[in-house]
PDB file of N, CA and C in Angstrom:
ATOM      1  N   MET A   1     -47.830-111.050 179.694  1.00  0.00           N
ATOM      2  CA  MET A   1     -46.450-110.925 179.248  1.00  0.00           C
ATOM      3  C   MET A   1     -46.390-110.410 177.799  1.00  0.00           C
ATOM      4  N   GLN A   2     -47.303-110.887 176.988  1.00  0.00           N
ATOM      5  CA  GLN A   2     -47.336-110.452 175.593  1.00  0.00           C
ATOM      6  C   GLN A   2     -47.548-108.936 175.501  1.00  0.00           C
ATOM      7  N   PHE A   3     -48.397-108.418 176.363  1.00  0.00           N
ATOM      8  CA  PHE A   3     -48.674-106.985 176.382  1.00  0.00           C
ATOM      9  C   PHE A   3     -47.426-106.205 176.788  1.00  0.00           C
ATOM     10  N   ALA A   4     -46.733-106.663 177.819  1.00  0.00           N
ATOM     11  CA  ALA A   4     -45.511-105.994 178.275  1.00  0.00           C
ATOM     12  C   ALA A   4     -44.436-106.013 177.196  1.00  0.00           C
ATOM     13  N   VAL A   5     -44.313-107.116 176.499  1.00  0.00           N
ATOM     14  CA  VAL A   5     -43.330-107.223 175.414  1.00  0.00           C
ATOM     15  C   VAL A   5     -43.674-106.227 174.306  1.00  0.00           C
ATOM     16  N   ALA A   6     -44.960-106.116 173.988  1.00  0.00           N
ATOM     17  CA  ALA A   6     -45.384-105.162 172.960  1.00  0.00           C
ATOM     18  C   ALA A   6     -45.109-103.728 173.398  1.00  0.00           C
ATOM     19  N   MET A   7     -45.356-103.424 174.667  1.00  0.00           N
ATOM     20  CA  MET A   7     -45.077-102.084 175.183  1.00  0.00           C
ATOM     21  C   MET A   7     -43.590-101.775 175.068  1.00  0.00           C
ATOM     22  N   GLU A   8     -42.752-102.715 175.484  1.00  0.00           N
ATOM     23  CA  GLU A   8     -41.297-102.514 175.431  1.00  0.00           C
ATOM     24  C   GLU A   8     -40.813-102.340 173.999  1.00  0.00           C
ATOM     25  N   ALA A   9     -41.391-103.090 173.068  1.00  0.00           N
ATOM     26  CA  ALA A   9     -40.985-102.970 171.666  1.00  0.00           C
ATOM     27  C   ALA A   9     -41.221-101.556 171.146  1.00  0.00           C
ATOM     28  N   VAL A  10     -42.363-100.974 171.497  1.00  0.00           N
ATOM     29  CA  VAL A  10     -42.658 -99.601 171.060  1.00  0.00           C
ATOM     30  C   VAL A  10     -41.711 -98.621 171.737  1.00  0.00           C
ATOM     31  N   MET A  11     -41.491 -98.787 173.036  1.00  0.00           N
ATOM     32  CA  MET A  11     -40.568 -97.892 173.746  1.00  0.00           C
ATOM     33  C   MET A  11     -39.170 -97.976 173.138  1.00  0.00           C
ATOM     34  N   SER A  12     -38.730 -99.175 172.814  1.00  0.00           N
ATOM     35  CA  SER A  12     -37.381 -99.374 172.263  1.00  0.00           C
ATOM     36  C   SER A  12     -37.213 -98.706 170.904  1.00  0.00           C
ATOM     37  N   MET A  13     -38.300 -98.661 170.126  1.00  0.00           N
ATOM     38  CA  MET A  13     -38.219 -98.019 168.805  1.00  0.00           C
ATOM     39  C   MET A  13     -37.847 -96.543 168.925  1.00  0.00           C
ATOM     40  N   HIS A  14     -38.192 -95.928 170.044  1.00  0.00           N
ATOM     41  CA  HIS A  14     -37.967 -94.491 170.214  1.00  0.00           C
ATOM     42  C   HIS A  14     -36.700 -94.184 171.025  1.00  0.00           C
ATOM     43  N   ASP A  15     -36.025 -95.215 171.508  1.00  0.00           N
ATOM     44  CA  ASP A  15     -34.860 -95.001 172.371  1.00  0.00           C
ATOM     45  C   ASP A  15     -33.784 -94.135 171.739  1.00  0.00           C
ATOM     46  N   SER A  16     -33.446 -94.389 170.492  1.00  0.00           N
ATOM     47  CA  SER A  16     -32.340 -93.642 169.876  1.00  0.00           C
ATOM     48  C   SER A  16     -32.665 -92.161 169.722  1.00  0.00           C
ATOM     49  N   ARG A  17     -33.938 -91.845 169.582  1.00  0.00           N
ATOM     50  CA  ARG A  17     -34.343 -90.451 169.375  1.00  0.00           C
ATOM     51  C   ARG A  17     -34.745 -89.767 170.676  1.00  0.00           C
ATOM     52  N   LYS A  18     -35.482 -90.487 171.538  1.00  0.00           N
ATOM     53  CA  LYS A  18     -36.030 -89.856 172.736  1.00  0.00           C
ATOM     54  C   LYS A  18     -35.390 -90.333 174.031  1.00  0.00           C
ATOM     55  N   GLY A  19     -34.772 -91.508 174.010  1.00  0.00           N
ATOM     56  CA  GLY A  19     -34.146 -92.025 175.226  1.00  0.00           C
ATOM     57  C   GLY A  19     -35.127 -92.071 176.381  1.00  0.00           C
ATOM     58  N   ASN A  20     -34.700 -91.607 177.531  1.00  0.00           N
ATOM     59  CA  ASN A  20     -35.539 -91.564 178.728  1.00  0.00           C
ATOM     60  C   ASN A  20     -36.078 -90.158 178.992  1.00  0.00           C
ATOM     61  N   SER A  21     -36.319 -89.402 177.929  1.00  0.00           N
ATOM     62  CA  SER A  21     -36.781 -88.022 178.107  1.00  0.00           C
ATOM     63  C   SER A  21     -38.095 -87.951 178.876  1.00  0.00           C
ATOM     64  N   TRP A  22     -38.877 -89.030 178.849  1.00  0.00           N
ATOM     65  CA  TRP A  22     -40.145 -89.036 179.586  1.00  0.00           C
ATOM     66  C   TRP A  22     -39.927 -88.878 181.089  1.00  0.00           C
ATOM     67  N   ARG A  23     -38.722 -89.188 181.545  1.00  0.00           N
ATOM     68  CA  ARG A  23     -38.420 -89.081 182.981  1.00  0.00           C
ATOM     69  C   ARG A  23     -38.299 -87.625 183.439  1.00  0.00           C
ATOM     70  N   ILE A  24     -38.037 -86.712 182.501  1.00  0.00           N
ATOM     71  CA  ILE A  24     -37.883 -85.300 182.870  1.00  0.00           C
ATOM     72  C   ILE A  24     -38.906 -84.390 182.188  1.00  0.00           C
ATOM     73  N   THR A  25     -39.705 -84.960 181.304  1.00  0.00           N
ATOM     74  CA  THR A  25     -40.755 -84.201 180.627  1.00  0.00           C
ATOM     75  C   THR A  25     -41.754 -83.698 181.670  1.00  0.00           C
ATOM     76  N   PRO A  26     -42.219 -82.473 181.551  1.00  0.00           N
ATOM     77  CA  PRO A  26     -43.209 -81.982 182.511  1.00  0.00           C
ATOM     78  C   PRO A  26     -44.424 -82.921 182.581  1.00  0.00           C
ATOM     79  N   LEU A  27     -44.918 -83.129 183.798  1.00  0.00           N
ATOM     80  CA  LEU A  27     -46.061 -84.021 183.991  1.00  0.00           C
ATOM     81  C   LEU A  27     -47.269 -83.566 183.182  1.00  0.00           C
ATOM     82  N   GLU A  28     -47.476 -82.271 183.076  1.00  0.00           N
ATOM     83  CA  GLU A  28     -48.605 -81.763 182.311  1.00  0.00           C
ATOM     84  C   GLU A  28     -48.546 -82.238 180.861  1.00  0.00           C
ATOM     85  N   TYR A  29     -47.342 -82.289 180.303  1.00  0.00           N
ATOM     86  CA  TYR A  29     -47.183 -82.791 178.932  1.00  0.00           C
ATOM     87  C   TYR A  29     -47.625 -84.249 178.853  1.00  0.00           C
ATOM     88  N   LEU A  30     -47.192 -85.065 179.823  1.00  0.00           N
ATOM     89  CA  LEU A  30     -47.557 -86.484 179.810  1.00  0.00           C
ATOM     90  C   LEU A  30     -49.062 -86.677 179.989  1.00  0.00           C
ATOM     91  N   ILE A  31     -49.675 -85.873 180.830  1.00  0.00           N
ATOM     92  CA  ILE A  31     -51.123 -85.962 181.035  1.00  0.00           C
ATOM     93  C   ILE A  31     -51.855 -85.616 179.739  1.00  0.00           C
ATOM     94  N   ASN A  32     -51.416 -84.559 179.075  1.00  0.00           N
ATOM     95  CA  ASN A  32     -52.026 -84.181 177.803  1.00  0.00           C
ATOM     96  C   ASN A  32     -51.771 -85.239 176.730  1.00  0.00           C
ATOM     97  N   LYS A  33     -50.598 -85.839 176.769  1.00  0.00           N
ATOM     98  CA  LYS A  33     -50.261 -86.906 175.816  1.00  0.00           C
ATOM     99  C   LYS A  33     -51.178 -88.110 176.031  1.00  0.00           C
ATOM    100  N   LEU A  34     -51.474 -88.432 177.278  1.00  0.00           N
ATOM    101  CA  LEU A  34     -52.382 -89.535 177.566  1.00  0.00           C
ATOM    102  C   LEU A  34     -53.768 -89.260 176.981  1.00  0.00           C
ATOM    103  N   LYS A  35     -54.243 -88.045 177.172  1.00  0.00           N
ATOM    104  CA  LYS A  35     -55.554 -87.673 176.612  1.00  0.00           C
ATOM    105  C   LYS A  35     -55.538 -87.785 175.088  1.00  0.00           C
ATOM    106  N   GLU A  36     -54.462 -87.309 174.482  1.00  0.00           N
ATOM    107  CA  GLU A  36     -54.310 -87.366 173.025  1.00  0.00           C
ATOM    108  C   GLU A  36     -54.305 -88.821 172.540  1.00  0.00           C
ATOM    109  N   GLU A  37     -53.537 -89.654 173.215  1.00  0.00           N
ATOM    110  CA  GLU A  37     -53.446 -91.065 172.815  1.00  0.00           C
ATOM    111  C   GLU A  37     -54.788 -91.764 172.988  1.00  0.00           C
ATOM    112  N   PHE A  38     -55.536 -91.412 174.040  1.00  0.00           N
ATOM    113  CA  PHE A  38     -56.842 -92.028 174.250  1.00  0.00           C
ATOM    114  C   PHE A  38     -57.807 -91.642 173.134  1.00  0.00           C
ATOM    115  N   VAL A  39     -57.775 -90.385 172.722  1.00  0.00           N
ATOM    116  CA  VAL A  39     -58.624 -89.937 171.612  1.00  0.00           C
ATOM    117  C   VAL A  39     -58.233 -90.675 170.334  1.00  0.00           C
ATOM    118  N   GLU A  40     -56.941 -90.868 170.122  1.00  0.00           N
ATOM    119  CA  GLU A  40     -56.493 -91.625 168.952  1.00  0.00           C
ATOM    120  C   GLU A  40     -57.046 -93.051 169.000  1.00  0.00           C
ATOM    121  N   TRP A  41     -57.047 -93.666 170.183  1.00  0.00           N
ATOM    122  CA  TRP A  41     -57.589 -95.011 170.316  1.00  0.00           C
ATOM    123  C   TRP A  41     -59.093 -95.024 170.051  1.00  0.00           C
ATOM    124  N   GLU A  42     -59.803 -94.007 170.545  1.00  0.00           N
ATOM    125  CA  GLU A  42     -61.245 -93.940 170.293  1.00  0.00           C
ATOM    126  C   GLU A  42     -61.539 -93.814 168.797  1.00  0.00           C
ATOM    127  N   THR A  43     -60.694 -93.072 168.101  1.00  0.00           N
ATOM    128  CA  THR A  43     -60.860 -92.844 166.670  1.00  0.00           C
ATOM    129  C   THR A  43     -60.430 -94.059 165.851  1.00  0.00           C
ATOM    130  N   THR A  44     -59.327 -94.666 166.272  1.00  0.00           N
ATOM    131  CA  THR A  44     -58.763 -95.826 165.579  1.00  0.00           C
ATOM    132  C   THR A  44     -58.483 -96.899 166.627  1.00  0.00           C
ATOM    133  N   PRO A  45     -59.495 -97.694 166.974  1.00  0.00           N
ATOM    134  CA  PRO A  45     -59.347 -98.658 168.064  1.00  0.00           C
ATOM    135  C   PRO A  45     -58.503 -99.881 167.673  1.00  0.00           C
ATOM    136  N   THR A  46     -57.192 -99.677 167.703  1.00  0.00           N
ATOM    137  CA  THR A  46     -56.263-100.755 167.352  1.00  0.00           C
ATOM    138  C   THR A  46     -55.404-101.118 168.560  1.00  0.00           C
ATOM    139  N   LYS A  47     -54.766-102.267 168.467  1.00  0.00           N
ATOM    140  CA  LYS A  47     -53.846-102.681 169.533  1.00  0.00           C
ATOM    141  C   LYS A  47     -52.691-101.692 169.641  1.00  0.00           C
ATOM    142  N   LYS A  48     -52.230-101.170 168.504  1.00  0.00           N
ATOM    143  CA  LYS A  48     -51.113-100.209 168.530  1.00  0.00           C
ATOM    144  C   LYS A  48     -51.473 -98.994 169.370  1.00  0.00           C
ATOM    145  N   GLU A  49     -52.698 -98.493 169.184  1.00  0.00           N
ATOM    146  CA  GLU A  49     -53.119 -97.322 169.959  1.00  0.00           C
ATOM    147  C   GLU A  49     -53.239 -97.661 171.444  1.00  0.00           C
ATOM    148  N   LEU A  50     -53.700 -98.868 171.767  1.00  0.00           N
ATOM    149  CA  LEU A  50     -53.758 -99.275 173.173  1.00  0.00           C
ATOM    150  C   LEU A  50     -52.365 -99.357 173.788  1.00  0.00           C
ATOM    151  N   ILE A  51     -51.407 -99.800 173.012  1.00  0.00           N
ATOM    152  CA  ILE A  51     -50.018 -99.850 173.490  1.00  0.00           C
ATOM    153  C   ILE A  51     -49.533 -98.435 173.789  1.00  0.00           C
ATOM    154  N   ASP A  52     -49.857 -97.487 172.915  1.00  0.00           N
ATOM    155  CA  ASP A  52     -49.458 -96.093 173.141  1.00  0.00           C
ATOM    156  C   ASP A  52     -50.079 -95.554 174.434  1.00  0.00           C
ATOM    157  N   VAL A  53     -51.373 -95.831 174.638  1.00  0.00           N
ATOM    158  CA  VAL A  53     -52.048 -95.404 175.866  1.00  0.00           C
ATOM    159  C   VAL A  53     -51.345 -96.023 177.076  1.00  0.00           C
ATOM    160  N   ALA A  54     -51.086 -97.310 176.996  1.00  0.00           N
ATOM    161  CA  ALA A  54     -50.456 -98.017 178.113  1.00  0.00           C
ATOM    162  C   ALA A  54     -49.061 -97.473 178.417  1.00  0.00           C
ATOM    163  N   ASN A  55     -48.304 -97.154 177.397  1.00  0.00           N
ATOM    164  CA  ASN A  55     -46.954 -96.640 177.633  1.00  0.00           C
ATOM    165  C   ASN A  55     -46.986 -95.290 178.338  1.00  0.00           C
ATOM    166  N   VAL A  56     -47.915 -94.439 177.959  1.00  0.00           N
ATOM    167  CA  VAL A  56     -48.012 -93.147 178.651  1.00  0.00           C
ATOM    168  C   VAL A  56     -48.477 -93.370 180.097  1.00  0.00           C
ATOM    169  N   CYS A  57     -49.393 -94.309 180.298  1.00  0.00           N
ATOM    170  CA  CYS A  57     -49.812 -94.643 181.667  1.00  0.00           C
ATOM    171  C   CYS A  57     -48.622 -95.123 182.486  1.00  0.00           C
ATOM    172  N   MET A  58     -47.778 -95.943 181.890  1.00  0.00           N
ATOM    173  CA  MET A  58     -46.584 -96.433 182.580  1.00  0.00           C
ATOM    174  C   MET A  58     -45.671 -95.268 182.976  1.00  0.00           C
ATOM    175  N   MET A  59     -45.504 -94.332 182.067  1.00  0.00           N
ATOM    176  CA  MET A  59     -44.658 -93.177 182.354  1.00  0.00           C
ATOM    177  C   MET A  59     -45.215 -92.392 183.538  1.00  0.00           C
ATOM    178  N   LEU A  60     -46.513 -92.149 183.529  1.00  0.00           N
ATOM    179  CA  LEU A  60     -47.138 -91.420 184.626  1.00  0.00           C
ATOM    180  C   LEU A  60     -47.054 -92.210 185.935  1.00  0.00           C
ATOM    181  N   PHE A  61     -47.237 -93.508 185.861  1.00  0.00           N
ATOM    182  CA  PHE A  61     -47.138 -94.364 187.046  1.00  0.00           C
ATOM    183  C   PHE A  61     -45.774 -94.196 187.703  1.00  0.00           C
ATOM    184  N   HIS A  62     -44.726 -94.238 186.907  1.00  0.00           N
ATOM    185  CA  HIS A  62     -43.378 -94.107 187.448  1.00  0.00           C
ATOM    186  C   HIS A  62     -43.047 -92.681 187.893  1.00  0.00           C
ATOM    187  N   ARG A  63     -43.609 -91.714 187.226  1.00  0.00           N
ATOM    188  CA  ARG A  63     -43.327 -90.317 187.576  1.00  0.00           C
ATOM    189  C   ARG A  63     -44.111 -89.834 188.795  1.00  0.00           C
ATOM    190  N   LYS A  64     -45.360 -90.246 188.902  1.00  0.00           N
ATOM    191  CA  LYS A  64     -46.226 -89.732 189.957  1.00  0.00           C
ATOM    192  C   LYS A  64     -46.109 -90.510 191.256  1.00  0.00           C
ATOM    193  N   GLY A  65     -45.619 -91.746 191.218  1.00  0.00           N
ATOM    194  CA  GLY A  65     -45.546 -92.529 192.437  1.00  0.00           C
ATOM    195  C   GLY A  65     -46.922 -92.882 192.930  1.00  0.00           C
ATOM    196  N   ILE A  66     -47.535 -93.833 192.317  1.00  0.00           N
ATOM    197  CA  ILE A  66     -48.899 -94.240 192.652  1.00  0.00           C
ATOM    198  C   ILE A  66     -48.902 -95.044 193.950  1.00  0.00           C
ATOM    199  N   ASP A  67     -49.766 -94.639 194.890  1.00  0.00           N
ATOM    200  CA  ASP A  67     -49.937 -95.395 196.131  1.00  0.00           C
ATOM    201  C   ASP A  67     -50.821 -96.599 195.867  1.00  0.00           C
ATOM    202  N   ALA A  68     -50.549 -97.683 196.560  1.00  0.00           N
ATOM    203  CA  ALA A  68     -51.427 -98.854 196.459  1.00  0.00           C
ATOM    204  C   ALA A  68     -52.784 -98.504 197.068  1.00  0.00           C
ATOM    205  N   ALA A  69     -53.817 -98.808 196.343  1.00  0.00           N
ATOM    206  CA  ALA A  69     -55.165 -98.478 196.831  1.00  0.00           C
ATOM    207  C   ALA A  69     -56.029 -99.722 196.880  1.00  0.00           C
TER     208      ALA A  69
END
């Protein structure tokens, strides 16, 4: 729950500027953003960077429609 709250806090910080633009952003952009965020985490392994990675994963999860495996 703590992780989800942290993810939501970061998403909320960007609401006034970006809103739900991730819902219509090209998937290729989100995939590249995930790679970028992962590199940032590798370079600066902080909880903040992990939250960024997780938020992009969440966006892709909702956009791509992941099947249960």
